Amino acid sequence: MKRIDSIDFTRGLVMIIMALDHVRDLMHTTALTQDPTNLETTTAGLFLTRWITHLCAPTFVFLSGTSAYISLKNSTDIQAGRKFLISRGLWLILLEFTVITLGLWADIKFRMMVFQVIGAIGLGLICLSLMLKLSSKIIGIIGLIIILGHNLLQSVSFNDSTTLRIFWAFLFRLDVFPVTPNFTFAVLYPFIPWFGIMLTGYACGQLFLLEESKRRKTLFLTGLYVLAFFVILRFANFYGDPIPWKSQKTPLFTFLSFISIFKYPPSLLYTSLTLGIMFLTLAAADGVRNRLVSIVSVYGKVPLFYYILHWYLIHSLMFLLMFYQGFTWKELPFGAFQFGRPPANSGVELPYIYMIWAFVVITLYPLCRWYNGYKAAHREKKWLRYI
């Protein structure tokens, strides 16, 4: 089936934005010591630099479900579709705990492993493969029930039982497990809430089979309805996010409190706000053909390739920065939640973060363009579908 440009553009846009968050994580002066969304200590610029990147993971997960629907729509062989989703899911999980983990922590001893977005997508594809006999409507309803209701379970904990605690964290809530003094495992992307987003994305895949003008209108109205739902529920301040908004020292910071939403796991309000913006972006890009859309879409056509490369490039730049700032290799810490960067007297301020981010994105463009062309010219090589 012909590629849908608005999906490639939207996915490419969030992949570009994602790199900003990871540059900030590794190189901003206060990244290791301060929460950028803490309104008591942050600045508006730093808050918004972090906040805008909230759009990335839910869009990526949602569109993974959408892409699965579109790719399987014309196939009558459920077994073949199931086999592909399972193999791709297992491949993503393998990458998560090998190539991506090394790029993220730059620790050849693998003292830290994290179940995060790529692993969640991989497991989601495996579970989705078992649901292919269900109608997209039923799958969408299941996804919506998860999105709307999982916040009811966030206060449940099993701290008295290690087994139940691990099981519950894997399904519903963030947790960190120091397995040994030299190995830590963390669940940052609890599976069920993200799976709900993927299932909803799968069900919405049928929207992209509509005629262009009708599709654009439907996406636009859906975005407006979802954002209206967010505003009403957020204003009510009684459900949908563990952190209620409240009046702050200035109107600007009160607004920041209103849009400050919880990602780990993705709350109902987090999902509503980010996916509402995603729908509007899809609508705005639908049918648009210009140089900007073409450039951004290149990243969206090879997201996994870009994702892997961007971690290695950013981490390499971080090491160069550390050496430039006078640190030696022996002074770089590695281990649980350590990127190989000393927490004190290292890093750069926000304007430089944006400059480094631009360098990363521009540097990766020709590589992504080459790889996209290579994939298009070698469709007979089935392994290219996995990267």
Protein backbone atom coordinates (compact mmCIF):
# COMPACT_ATOMS: atom_id res chain seq x y z
CA MET A 1 0.00 0.00 0.00
CA LYS A 2 1.15 3.53 -0.79
CA ARG A 3 2.81 5.32 2.12
CA ILE A 4 0.77 8.01 3.84
CA ASP A 5 2.82 11.20 3.90
CA SER A 6 1.15 12.70 6.98
CA ILE A 7 2.18 9.68 9.07
CA ASP A 8 5.78 9.91 7.88
CA PHE A 9 5.83 13.66 8.54
CA THR A 10 4.30 13.42 12.03
CA ARG A 11 6.54 10.54 13.03
CA GLY A 12 9.56 12.36 11.60
CA LEU A 13 8.66 15.53 13.50
CA VAL A 14 8.49 13.76 16.86
CA MET A 15 11.71 11.89 16.12
CA ILE A 16 13.42 15.24 15.57
CA ILE A 17 11.93 16.63 18.80
CA MET A 18 12.94 13.47 20.67
CA ALA A 19 16.62 14.16 20.01
CA LEU A 20 16.26 17.48 21.87
CA ASP A 21 15.24 15.66 25.04
CA HIS A 22 18.12 13.24 24.82
CA VAL A 23 20.67 15.98 24.19
CA ARG A 24 19.27 17.76 27.25
CA ASP A 25 19.38 14.54 29.30
CA LEU A 26 23.04 13.96 28.56
CA MET A 27 24.47 17.47 28.34
CA HIS A 28 22.42 20.16 30.11
CA THR A 29 24.09 21.54 33.22
CA THR A 30 21.28 20.53 35.62
CA ALA A 31 20.01 17.40 33.84
CA LEU A 32 21.50 15.07 36.45
CA THR A 33 20.46 17.07 39.48
CA GLN A 34 17.17 18.84 38.71
CA ASP A 35 13.74 17.89 37.39
CA PRO A 36 13.05 20.27 34.47
CA THR A 37 9.31 20.17 35.19
CA ASN A 38 9.62 21.07 38.89
CA LEU A 39 7.96 24.49 38.97
CA GLU A 40 9.76 25.36 42.20
CA THR A 41 13.19 25.24 40.55
CA THR A 42 12.81 25.30 36.77
CA THR A 43 12.56 28.12 34.25
CA ALA A 44 9.85 28.46 31.62
CA GLY A 45 12.37 27.76 28.85
CA LEU A 46 13.68 24.61 30.50
CA PHE A 47 10.17 23.39 31.36
CA LEU A 48 8.95 23.82 27.79
CA THR A 49 12.10 22.20 26.40
CA ARG A 50 11.19 19.09 28.37
CA TRP A 51 7.42 19.42 27.91
CA ILE A 52 7.46 19.55 24.11
CA THR A 53 9.21 16.19 24.03
CA HIS A 54 6.23 14.60 25.79
CA LEU A 55 4.71 14.43 22.31
CA CYS A 56 7.25 11.87 21.13
CA ALA A 57 6.63 8.53 22.82
CA PRO A 58 2.80 8.43 22.61
CA THR A 59 2.89 9.52 18.96
CA PHE A 60 5.51 6.91 18.15
CA VAL A 61 3.58 4.14 19.96
CA PHE A 62 0.20 5.19 18.51
CA LEU A 63 1.55 5.29 14.96
CA SER A 64 3.22 1.91 15.45
CA GLY A 65 -0.27 0.52 15.94
CA THR A 66 -1.60 2.51 12.98
CA SER A 67 1.20 1.30 10.71
CA ALA A 68 0.54 -2.29 11.77
CA TYR A 69 -3.12 -1.91 10.75
CA ILE A 70 -2.27 -0.37 7.38
CA SER A 71 0.39 -2.96 6.55
CA LEU A 72 -1.92 -5.86 7.42
CA LYS A 73 -5.13 -4.42 5.94
CA ASN A 74 -4.80 -5.99 2.52
CA SER A 75 -3.51 -9.32 3.80
CA THR A 76 -5.89 -12.24 4.15
CA ASP A 77 -3.21 -14.44 5.72
CA ILE A 78 -3.59 -13.85 9.45
CA GLN A 79 -0.88 -16.36 10.24
CA ALA A 80 1.66 -14.49 8.08
CA GLY A 81 0.70 -11.19 9.68
CA ARG A 82 0.96 -12.70 13.14
CA LYS A 83 4.37 -14.17 12.33
CA PHE A 84 5.67 -10.81 11.13
CA LEU A 85 4.42 -8.92 14.20
CA ILE A 86 5.90 -11.50 16.57
CA SER A 87 9.26 -11.56 14.82
CA ARG A 88 9.42 -7.77 14.67
CA GLY A 89 8.38 -7.51 18.31
CA LEU A 90 11.06 -9.96 19.44
CA TRP A 91 13.63 -8.10 17.34
CA LEU A 92 12.73 -4.78 18.97
CA ILE A 93 13.02 -6.28 22.46
CA LEU A 94 16.41 -7.75 21.56
CA LEU A 95 17.58 -4.36 20.28
CA GLU A 96 16.29 -2.67 23.43
CA PHE A 97 18.48 -4.74 25.71
CA THR A 98 21.59 -4.81 23.52
CA VAL A 99 22.32 -2.16 20.90
CA ILE A 100 20.03 0.51 22.38
CA THR A 101 21.10 -0.14 25.97
CA LEU A 102 24.75 0.29 24.97
CA GLY A 103 23.95 3.51 23.11
CA LEU A 104 21.91 4.85 26.02
CA TRP A 105 24.30 4.14 28.90
CA ALA A 106 27.60 3.66 27.01
CA ASP A 107 28.50 0.97 29.54
CA ILE A 108 30.09 -2.15 28.03
CA LYS A 109 29.48 -3.97 31.33
CA PHE A 110 25.70 -3.49 30.99
CA ARG A 111 25.23 -2.55 34.63
CA MET A 112 21.90 -0.86 33.84
CA MET A 113 19.00 -2.13 31.76
CA VAL A 114 15.72 -0.34 31.23
CA PHE A 115 12.43 -1.45 29.77
CA GLN A 116 11.43 1.62 27.80
CA VAL A 117 9.68 2.66 24.61
CA ILE A 118 11.24 0.27 22.07
CA GLY A 119 10.70 -2.70 24.37
CA ALA A 120 7.11 -1.61 25.03
CA ILE A 121 6.44 -1.36 21.30
CA GLY A 122 8.04 -4.75 20.71
CA LEU A 123 5.96 -6.48 23.37
CA GLY A 124 2.91 -4.58 22.14
CA LEU A 125 3.35 -5.94 18.62
CA ILE A 126 3.63 -9.48 19.99
CA CYS A 127 0.42 -9.11 22.01
CA LEU A 128 -1.33 -7.38 19.11
CA SER A 129 -0.47 -10.38 16.91
CA LEU A 130 -2.64 -12.52 19.19
CA MET A 131 -5.62 -10.21 18.66
CA LEU A 132 -5.73 -10.08 14.87
CA LYS A 133 -8.94 -12.09 14.65
CA LEU A 134 -10.74 -9.37 16.61
CA SER A 135 -12.31 -6.47 14.73
CA SER A 136 -10.52 -3.13 14.81
CA LYS A 137 -13.56 -1.75 16.66
CA ILE A 138 -13.17 -4.25 19.51
CA ILE A 139 -9.42 -3.64 19.64
CA GLY A 140 -10.05 0.11 19.80
CA ILE A 141 -12.57 -0.28 22.62
CA ILE A 142 -10.05 -2.33 24.62
CA GLY A 143 -7.43 0.36 24.02
CA LEU A 144 -9.76 3.14 25.16
CA ILE A 145 -10.76 1.23 28.28
CA ILE A 146 -7.08 0.91 29.19
CA ILE A 147 -6.37 4.59 28.51
CA LEU A 148 -9.42 5.79 30.44
CA GLY A 149 -9.16 3.42 33.37
CA HIS A 150 -5.57 2.50 34.19
CA ASN A 151 -5.14 5.54 36.46
CA LEU A 152 -7.50 3.83 38.91
CA LEU A 153 -4.77 1.25 39.54
CA GLN A 154 -1.80 3.56 40.04
CA SER A 155 -2.17 3.69 43.83
CA VAL A 156 -2.00 -0.11 44.08
CA SER A 157 1.39 -1.43 45.20
CA PHE A 158 2.90 -4.72 46.36
CA ASN A 159 5.98 -3.67 48.28
CA ASP A 160 5.73 -6.68 50.60
CA SER A 161 6.18 -9.15 47.75
CA THR A 162 9.12 -8.89 45.37
CA THR A 163 7.48 -11.14 42.78
CA LEU A 164 4.20 -9.23 42.75
CA ARG A 165 6.06 -5.92 42.81
CA ILE A 166 8.04 -6.86 39.69
CA PHE A 167 4.92 -8.17 37.95
CA TRP A 168 2.89 -5.06 38.83
CA ALA A 169 5.66 -2.68 37.81
CA PHE A 170 6.05 -4.42 34.48
CA LEU A 171 2.34 -4.02 33.81
CA PHE A 172 1.31 -0.75 35.43
CA ARG A 173 3.84 1.42 37.24
CA LEU A 174 7.41 2.67 37.13
CA ASP A 175 9.82 0.91 39.45
CA VAL A 176 13.55 0.31 39.88
CA PHE A 177 15.08 -2.99 40.99
CA PRO A 178 18.72 -3.13 42.20
CA VAL A 179 19.23 -6.81 41.33
CA THR A 180 22.87 -6.92 42.47
CA PRO A 181 25.37 -4.25 43.55
CA ASN A 182 26.52 -4.16 39.92
CA PHE A 183 23.25 -4.55 38.05
CA THR A 184 20.03 -2.55 38.12
CA PHE A 185 16.86 -3.15 36.14
CA ALA A 186 14.20 -0.45 35.75
CA VAL A 187 10.72 -0.41 34.26
CA LEU A 188 10.21 3.11 32.91
CA TYR A 189 7.50 2.22 30.40
CA PRO A 190 4.95 -0.02 32.17
CA PHE A 191 3.42 -2.13 29.44
CA ILE A 192 -0.36 -1.93 29.82
CA PRO A 193 -0.85 1.89 29.55
CA TRP A 194 1.36 2.04 26.45
CA PHE A 195 -0.34 -1.01 24.97
CA GLY A 196 -3.65 0.84 25.27
CA ILE A 197 -2.20 3.63 23.14
CA MET A 198 -0.96 1.14 20.54
CA LEU A 199 -4.35 -0.61 20.35
CA THR A 200 -6.11 2.71 19.86
CA GLY A 201 -3.63 3.56 17.11
CA TYR A 202 -4.34 0.23 15.44
CA ALA A 203 -8.08 0.89 15.51
CA CYS A 204 -7.58 4.37 14.07
CA GLY A 205 -5.68 2.90 11.14
CA GLN A 206 -8.94 2.73 9.21
CA LEU A 207 -9.11 6.54 9.25
CA PHE A 208 -6.13 6.63 6.90
CA LEU A 209 -8.00 4.61 4.32
CA LEU A 210 -10.58 7.39 3.92
CA GLU A 211 -10.56 9.81 1.00
CA GLU A 212 -8.03 12.60 1.65
CA SER A 213 -10.38 15.51 2.39
CA LYS A 214 -12.62 13.40 4.63
CA ARG A 215 -9.60 11.96 6.41
CA ARG A 216 -8.19 15.43 7.05
CA LYS A 217 -11.48 16.68 8.47
CA THR A 218 -11.89 13.60 10.66
CA LEU A 219 -8.36 13.88 12.05
CA PHE A 220 -8.84 17.60 12.73
CA LEU A 221 -12.15 17.15 14.55
CA THR A 222 -10.79 14.20 16.51
CA GLY A 223 -7.87 16.34 17.66
CA LEU A 224 -10.19 19.13 18.76
CA TYR A 225 -12.48 16.75 20.67
CA VAL A 226 -9.57 15.06 22.42
CA LEU A 227 -8.03 18.41 23.44
CA ALA A 228 -11.42 19.67 24.64
CA PHE A 229 -11.70 16.51 26.74
CA PHE A 230 -8.26 17.25 28.20
CA VAL A 231 -9.13 20.85 29.08
CA ILE A 232 -12.42 19.93 30.76
CA LEU A 233 -11.00 17.04 32.76
CA ARG A 234 -7.83 18.90 33.69
CA PHE A 235 -9.78 21.94 34.81
CA ALA A 236 -11.98 19.71 37.00
CA ASN A 237 -8.78 18.51 38.73
CA PHE A 238 -10.24 15.28 40.12
CA TYR A 239 -9.07 12.44 37.86
CA GLY A 240 -6.67 11.57 35.08
CA ASP A 241 -3.29 12.62 36.49
CA PRO A 242 -1.59 12.02 39.86
CA ILE A 243 -0.44 15.65 40.12
CA PRO A 244 -3.27 18.24 40.21
CA TRP A 245 -2.62 21.68 38.79
CA LYS A 246 -2.70 24.72 41.06
CA SER A 247 -2.15 28.46 40.98
CA GLN A 248 1.50 29.49 40.84
CA LYS A 249 3.57 32.64 41.35
CA THR A 250 2.74 34.01 37.87
CA PRO A 251 0.00 33.38 35.27
CA LEU A 252 2.63 31.77 33.02
CA PHE A 253 3.63 29.28 35.68
CA THR A 254 -0.03 28.58 36.46
CA PHE A 255 -0.44 27.66 32.79
CA LEU A 256 2.66 25.48 33.00
CA SER A 257 1.13 23.74 36.02
CA PHE A 258 -2.04 23.16 34.02
CA ILE A 259 -0.18 21.45 31.18
CA SER A 260 2.28 19.64 33.46
CA ILE A 261 1.28 16.01 33.03
CA PHE A 262 2.62 12.68 34.21
CA LYS A 263 4.46 10.40 31.76
CA TYR A 264 5.65 7.45 33.88
CA PRO A 265 3.24 5.79 33.29
CA PRO A 266 1.32 7.91 30.75
CA SER A 267 -1.68 9.31 32.59
CA LEU A 268 -5.05 9.79 30.94
CA LEU A 269 -4.43 13.54 30.74
CA TYR A 270 -0.92 13.04 29.37
CA THR A 271 -2.28 10.76 26.67
CA SER A 272 -5.19 13.08 25.85
CA LEU A 273 -3.05 16.18 25.47
CA THR A 274 -0.27 14.57 23.46
CA LEU A 275 -2.53 12.56 21.16
CA GLY A 276 -4.81 15.55 20.65
CA ILE A 277 -1.84 17.54 19.36
CA MET A 278 -0.78 14.53 17.28
CA PHE A 279 -4.18 14.36 15.55
CA LEU A 280 -4.02 18.07 14.70
CA THR A 281 -0.51 17.61 13.32
CA LEU A 282 -1.64 14.71 11.17
CA ALA A 283 -4.53 16.80 9.87
CA ALA A 284 -2.33 19.82 9.14
CA ALA A 285 0.18 17.71 7.20
CA ASP A 286 -2.36 15.63 5.29
CA GLY A 287 -2.16 16.39 1.59
CA VAL A 288 0.59 18.98 2.03
CA ARG A 289 3.53 18.52 -0.31
CA ASN A 290 6.42 20.92 0.09
CA ARG A 291 10.12 20.94 0.88
CA LEU A 292 9.64 21.00 4.67
CA VAL A 293 7.28 18.02 4.65
CA SER A 294 9.66 16.14 2.37
CA ILE A 295 12.68 16.74 4.62
CA VAL A 296 10.94 15.92 7.91
CA SER A 297 9.33 12.82 6.41
CA VAL A 298 12.76 11.34 5.68
CA TYR A 299 13.27 10.83 9.43
CA GLY A 300 9.80 9.36 9.76
CA LYS A 301 10.41 6.76 7.07
CA VAL A 302 13.39 5.23 8.91
CA PRO A 303 12.53 5.81 12.59
CA LEU A 304 14.37 2.85 14.11
CA PHE A 305 17.50 3.52 12.06
CA TYR A 306 17.43 7.15 13.23
CA TYR A 307 16.65 6.18 16.82
CA ILE A 308 19.66 3.90 17.13
CA LEU A 309 22.09 6.26 15.42
CA HIS A 310 21.00 9.33 17.37
CA TRP A 311 21.88 7.72 20.73
CA TYR A 312 25.39 6.86 19.59
CA LEU A 313 25.97 10.28 18.07
CA ILE A 314 24.66 12.18 21.11
CA HIS A 315 26.68 10.06 23.50
CA SER A 316 29.83 10.52 21.42
CA LEU A 317 29.28 14.29 21.48
CA MET A 318 28.78 14.14 25.25
CA PHE A 319 32.14 12.42 25.71
CA LEU A 320 33.83 15.02 23.52
CA LEU A 321 32.24 17.74 25.65
CA MET A 322 33.44 16.08 28.86
CA PHE A 323 37.00 15.87 27.55
CA TYR A 324 36.81 19.50 26.36
CA GLN A 325 35.71 20.51 29.87
CA GLY A 326 38.79 18.89 31.34
CA PHE A 327 37.56 15.51 32.54
CA THR A 328 39.54 12.35 31.96
CA TRP A 329 38.12 8.94 31.10
CA LYS A 330 38.77 7.70 34.66
CA GLU A 331 36.57 10.49 36.02
CA LEU A 332 33.53 9.44 33.99
CA PRO A 333 31.05 7.43 36.11
CA PHE A 334 29.21 4.40 34.72
CA GLY A 335 26.49 2.35 36.35
CA ALA A 336 22.85 2.73 37.37
CA PHE A 337 21.38 5.90 35.85
CA GLN A 338 24.85 7.19 34.99
CA PHE A 339 25.60 8.17 31.42
CA GLY A 340 29.35 8.44 31.91
CA ARG A 341 29.06 12.11 32.82
CA PRO A 342 30.17 13.64 36.15
CA PRO A 343 27.16 15.31 37.82
CA ALA A 344 29.11 18.34 39.03
CA ASN A 345 30.74 21.09 36.96
CA SER A 346 29.86 19.53 33.63
CA GLY A 347 27.44 20.20 30.79
CA VAL A 348 26.29 23.32 28.95
CA GLU A 349 23.45 25.80 29.22
CA LEU A 350 20.20 25.65 27.27
CA PRO A 351 21.19 27.72 24.20
CA TYR A 352 24.07 25.33 23.53
CA ILE A 353 21.72 22.37 23.98
CA TYR A 354 19.65 23.69 21.08
CA MET A 355 22.77 24.17 18.96
CA ILE A 356 23.95 20.61 19.62
CA TRP A 357 20.46 19.30 18.91
CA ALA A 358 20.41 21.05 15.54
CA PHE A 359 23.82 19.58 14.75
CA VAL A 360 22.61 16.06 15.59
CA VAL A 361 19.47 16.34 13.46
CA ILE A 362 21.29 17.86 10.47
CA THR A 363 24.12 15.34 10.68
CA LEU A 364 21.75 12.38 10.62
CA TYR A 365 19.67 13.67 7.69
CA PRO A 366 21.94 12.47 4.83
CA LEU A 367 22.33 9.07 6.51
CA CYS A 368 18.57 8.70 6.91
CA ARG A 369 18.01 9.83 3.34
CA TRP A 370 20.56 7.32 2.04
CA TYR A 371 19.07 4.48 4.07
CA ASN A 372 15.53 5.34 2.97
CA GLY A 373 16.68 5.24 -0.64
CA TYR A 374 18.47 1.96 -0.07
CA LYS A 375 15.34 0.39 1.41
CA ALA A 376 13.22 1.64 -1.50
CA ALA A 377 15.67 0.21 -4.04
CA HIS A 378 15.98 -3.19 -2.33
CA ARG A 379 12.45 -4.20 -1.39
CA GLU A 380 13.41 -7.80 -2.07
CA LYS A 381 15.58 -7.78 1.08
CA LYS A 382 13.05 -8.66 3.75
CA TRP A 383 15.46 -7.97 6.63
CA LEU A 384 15.24 -4.26 5.81
CA ARG A 385 11.68 -4.28 7.20
CA TYR A 386 13.17 -4.78 10.65
CA ILE A 387 15.37 -1.66 10.77
